[in-house]
Amino acid sequence: MEAEKVYLMKDIVRDGDPVLRKRAAKVEFPLSEEDQQLAKKMMEYLEVSQDPKLCEKYKLRAGVGLAAPQVGVSKQMAAVLVPPLKKDGQPEFKDVIINPVIVSESVQYGALTEGEGCLSVDKDVPGYVPRHDRITLRYQDTDGKKHQVRLKNYPAIVCQHEIDHLHGVLFYDHINKQAPFEAPADTVMIS
């Protein structure tokens, strides 16, 4: 993979840029050539960033999700690549989610024990980010095919983080400012 074909850290929009706080526009189908390239390049960033050698070679920060606003495009599209936990090596979730909508969510919350990070936020923002532990997600893929999937734990958290980007919300907006390490009762802590 050649560097010019892969998004690099210099291509990632940083916190403070107004595009990160805008509500992204719906994507029309069939996808334009430009939107197809955007989807491909976002997923390639995640694939390359999760390969330790390539990550170091291109000086990337590893990521599990990348939303179009993070590369300066205010459209409802995000690439998600949650690495495998299972022995078969298959990702827990991998797709470009377009026009995503959460159609149902659990009452129970989940949060990452180490908090969340973001490719667009350079500083460490400590605190729990409570999110729904289980969600049902409806979206279209790059071919326009409709999908409805149930996700729980880490994949659910990653997708909610990326969908927030499409609504102009950053992860630290969810942190309780007075008590950053307090989470709602019965929150599932995910490490």
Protein backbone atom coordinates (compact mmCIF):
# COMPACT_ATOMS: atom_id res chain seq x y z
CA MET A 1 0.00 0.00 0.00
CA GLU A 2 1.51 3.31 -1.00
CA ALA A 3 1.49 6.27 1.37
CA GLU A 4 -0.26 8.59 -1.08
CA LYS A 5 -3.24 6.20 -1.22
CA VAL A 6 -3.62 6.03 2.56
CA TYR A 7 -4.91 8.76 4.83
CA LEU A 8 -2.09 9.94 7.08
CA MET A 9 -2.30 11.71 10.44
CA LYS A 10 -1.93 15.05 8.63
CA ASP A 11 -5.24 14.27 6.84
CA ILE A 12 -7.16 13.82 10.10
CA VAL A 13 -9.12 16.92 11.11
CA ARG A 14 -8.34 17.98 14.69
CA ASP A 15 -10.57 19.12 17.54
CA GLY A 16 -11.45 22.79 17.06
CA ASP A 17 -12.23 22.46 13.34
CA PRO A 18 -15.91 23.43 12.80
CA VAL A 19 -16.58 20.38 10.56
CA LEU A 20 -16.37 18.18 13.68
CA ARG A 21 -19.31 20.05 15.27
CA LYS A 22 -21.59 20.05 12.21
CA ARG A 23 -24.47 17.67 11.60
CA ALA A 24 -23.37 15.62 8.57
CA ALA A 25 -25.51 15.39 5.42
CA LYS A 26 -27.19 12.17 4.30
CA VAL A 27 -25.38 10.27 1.58
CA GLU A 28 -27.17 9.72 -1.74
CA PHE A 29 -27.11 6.43 -3.65
CA PRO A 30 -25.68 5.21 -5.89
CA LEU A 31 -22.44 6.47 -4.42
CA SER A 32 -20.45 8.95 -6.47
CA GLU A 33 -16.90 7.98 -7.42
CA GLU A 34 -15.72 10.50 -4.80
CA ASP A 35 -17.82 8.85 -2.04
CA GLN A 36 -16.61 5.38 -3.08
CA GLN A 37 -13.00 6.56 -2.78
CA LEU A 38 -13.75 8.18 0.59
CA ALA A 39 -15.18 4.90 1.94
CA LYS A 40 -12.24 2.89 0.60
CA LYS A 41 -9.60 5.25 1.99
CA MET A 42 -11.23 5.42 5.44
CA MET A 43 -11.29 1.61 5.73
CA GLU A 44 -7.71 1.38 4.43
CA TYR A 45 -6.59 3.82 7.14
CA LEU A 46 -8.03 1.48 9.80
CA GLU A 47 -6.51 -1.64 8.21
CA VAL A 48 -3.06 -0.03 7.92
CA SER A 49 -3.24 1.55 11.39
CA GLN A 50 -3.97 -1.84 12.99
CA ASP A 51 -0.87 -3.42 11.41
CA PRO A 52 1.96 -2.56 13.87
CA LYS A 53 4.69 -2.41 11.18
CA LEU A 54 2.69 -0.25 8.74
CA CYS A 55 1.38 1.89 11.60
CA GLU A 56 4.95 2.70 12.62
CA LYS A 57 6.12 3.13 9.00
CA TYR A 58 3.44 5.75 8.25
CA LYS A 59 3.47 7.22 11.80
CA LEU A 60 -0.25 6.61 12.32
CA ARG A 61 -2.31 6.36 15.46
CA ALA A 62 -4.18 3.06 15.53
CA GLY A 63 -7.93 3.36 15.09
CA VAL A 64 -11.05 1.19 15.11
CA GLY A 65 -13.32 3.80 13.55
CA LEU A 66 -13.01 6.80 11.26
CA ALA A 67 -15.93 9.06 10.32
CA ALA A 68 -16.05 11.20 7.17
CA PRO A 69 -16.09 14.50 9.16
CA GLN A 70 -12.72 13.45 10.61
CA VAL A 71 -11.23 13.78 7.11
CA GLY A 72 -13.08 17.03 6.45
CA VAL A 73 -16.15 15.61 4.65
CA SER A 74 -19.48 16.38 6.33
CA LYS A 75 -21.35 13.25 5.19
CA GLN A 76 -23.01 10.42 7.13
CA MET A 77 -20.37 7.78 6.51
CA ALA A 78 -17.93 6.01 8.82
CA ALA A 79 -15.56 3.08 8.53
CA VAL A 80 -15.55 0.65 11.47
CA LEU A 81 -13.03 -2.15 11.98
CA VAL A 82 -13.21 -3.81 15.41
CA PRO A 83 -10.30 -6.27 15.60
CA PRO A 84 -10.96 -9.95 16.30
CA LEU A 85 -11.36 -11.33 19.77
CA LYS A 86 -12.09 -14.80 18.46
CA LYS A 87 -9.50 -17.35 17.41
CA ASP A 88 -10.84 -17.48 13.82
CA GLY A 89 -9.25 -14.08 13.15
CA GLN A 90 -12.46 -12.54 11.79
CA PRO A 91 -13.12 -8.94 12.87
CA GLU A 92 -15.91 -8.53 15.41
CA PHE A 93 -17.37 -5.90 13.09
CA LYS A 94 -16.09 -4.51 9.81
CA ASP A 95 -18.02 -2.31 7.39
CA VAL A 96 -18.47 1.19 6.09
CA ILE A 97 -21.69 2.35 7.71
CA ILE A 98 -23.61 4.91 5.64
CA ASN A 99 -26.62 6.89 6.91
CA PRO A 100 -26.51 4.88 10.17
CA VAL A 101 -29.41 4.98 12.63
CA ILE A 102 -29.64 3.34 16.04
CA VAL A 103 -33.13 1.82 16.03
CA SER A 104 -33.02 0.42 19.58
CA GLU A 105 -30.69 0.49 22.54
CA SER A 106 -30.37 -1.25 25.88
CA VAL A 107 -31.26 0.43 29.14
CA GLN A 108 -27.96 -0.85 30.52
CA TYR A 109 -24.86 1.22 29.87
CA GLY A 110 -21.36 0.14 29.00
CA ALA A 111 -18.09 2.05 29.27
CA LEU A 112 -14.45 1.36 28.51
CA THR A 113 -12.38 1.06 31.70
CA GLU A 114 -9.57 3.16 30.17
CA GLY A 115 -11.98 5.73 28.72
CA GLU A 116 -12.18 6.60 25.03
CA GLY A 117 -9.79 8.27 22.64
CA CYS A 118 -10.22 9.78 19.21
CA LEU A 119 -7.96 10.32 16.20
CA SER A 120 -9.25 13.92 16.07
CA VAL A 121 -8.52 14.65 19.75
CA ASP A 122 -4.80 14.87 20.49
CA LYS A 123 -5.07 15.37 24.23
CA ASP A 124 -5.95 12.66 26.73
CA VAL A 125 -9.40 13.34 28.25
CA PRO A 126 -9.77 11.05 31.27
CA GLY A 127 -13.16 9.75 32.37
CA TYR A 128 -15.82 7.18 31.62
CA VAL A 129 -17.95 7.65 28.52
CA PRO A 130 -21.27 5.93 29.28
CA ARG A 131 -22.92 4.49 26.18
CA HIS A 132 -25.63 1.91 25.59
CA ASP A 133 -24.18 -1.58 26.08
CA ARG A 134 -26.31 -3.08 23.28
CA ILE A 135 -27.71 -1.44 20.16
CA THR A 136 -29.56 -2.40 17.01
CA LEU A 137 -27.97 -0.52 14.13
CA ARG A 138 -29.52 0.08 10.71
CA TYR A 139 -27.27 1.35 7.90
CA GLN A 140 -26.44 1.03 4.21
CA ASP A 141 -23.18 -0.35 2.87
CA THR A 142 -21.24 1.08 -0.08
CA ASP A 143 -23.49 -0.81 -2.53
CA GLY A 144 -26.58 0.75 -0.95
CA LYS A 145 -27.66 -2.56 0.60
CA LYS A 146 -29.57 -2.11 3.87
CA HIS A 147 -28.34 -3.91 6.98
CA GLN A 148 -29.72 -4.24 10.48
CA VAL A 149 -27.32 -5.69 13.06
CA ARG A 150 -27.31 -6.16 16.82
CA LEU A 151 -24.08 -5.17 18.50
CA LYS A 152 -22.96 -5.35 22.11
CA ASN A 153 -20.05 -4.27 24.26
CA TYR A 154 -17.02 -2.92 22.37
CA PRO A 155 -18.46 -2.98 18.80
CA ALA A 156 -21.58 -1.16 20.08
CA ILE A 157 -19.42 1.48 21.78
CA VAL A 158 -17.27 1.99 18.66
CA CYS A 159 -20.32 2.45 16.42
CA GLN A 160 -21.92 4.92 18.84
CA HIS A 161 -18.66 6.91 18.94
CA GLU A 162 -18.59 7.10 15.12
CA ILE A 163 -22.30 7.96 14.84
CA ASP A 164 -21.69 10.79 17.34
CA HIS A 165 -19.17 12.23 14.86
CA LEU A 166 -21.95 12.40 12.27
CA HIS A 167 -24.03 14.49 14.71
CA GLY A 168 -21.25 16.89 15.71
CA VAL A 169 -20.62 15.25 19.11
CA LEU A 170 -17.21 14.29 20.51
CA PHE A 171 -16.65 11.55 23.10
CA TYR A 172 -15.68 13.91 25.91
CA ASP A 173 -19.09 15.61 25.67
CA HIS A 174 -20.45 12.50 27.46
CA ILE A 175 -17.99 12.60 30.40
CA ASN A 176 -19.45 13.78 33.70
CA LYS A 177 -17.42 16.97 34.30
CA GLN A 178 -17.93 16.93 38.10
CA ALA A 179 -17.13 13.21 38.52
CA PRO A 180 -15.36 11.89 35.40
CA PHE A 181 -14.92 8.38 36.83
CA GLU A 182 -18.50 7.93 37.93
CA ALA A 183 -20.74 5.86 35.69
CA PRO A 184 -24.46 5.14 35.89
CA ALA A 185 -25.40 2.27 38.23
CA ASP A 186 -25.03 -1.23 36.71
CA THR A 187 -22.73 0.01 33.92
CA VAL A 188 -20.87 -2.86 32.23
CA MET A 189 -17.18 -1.99 32.40
CA ILE A 190 -15.36 -3.21 29.28
CA SER A 191 -11.59 -3.58 29.25
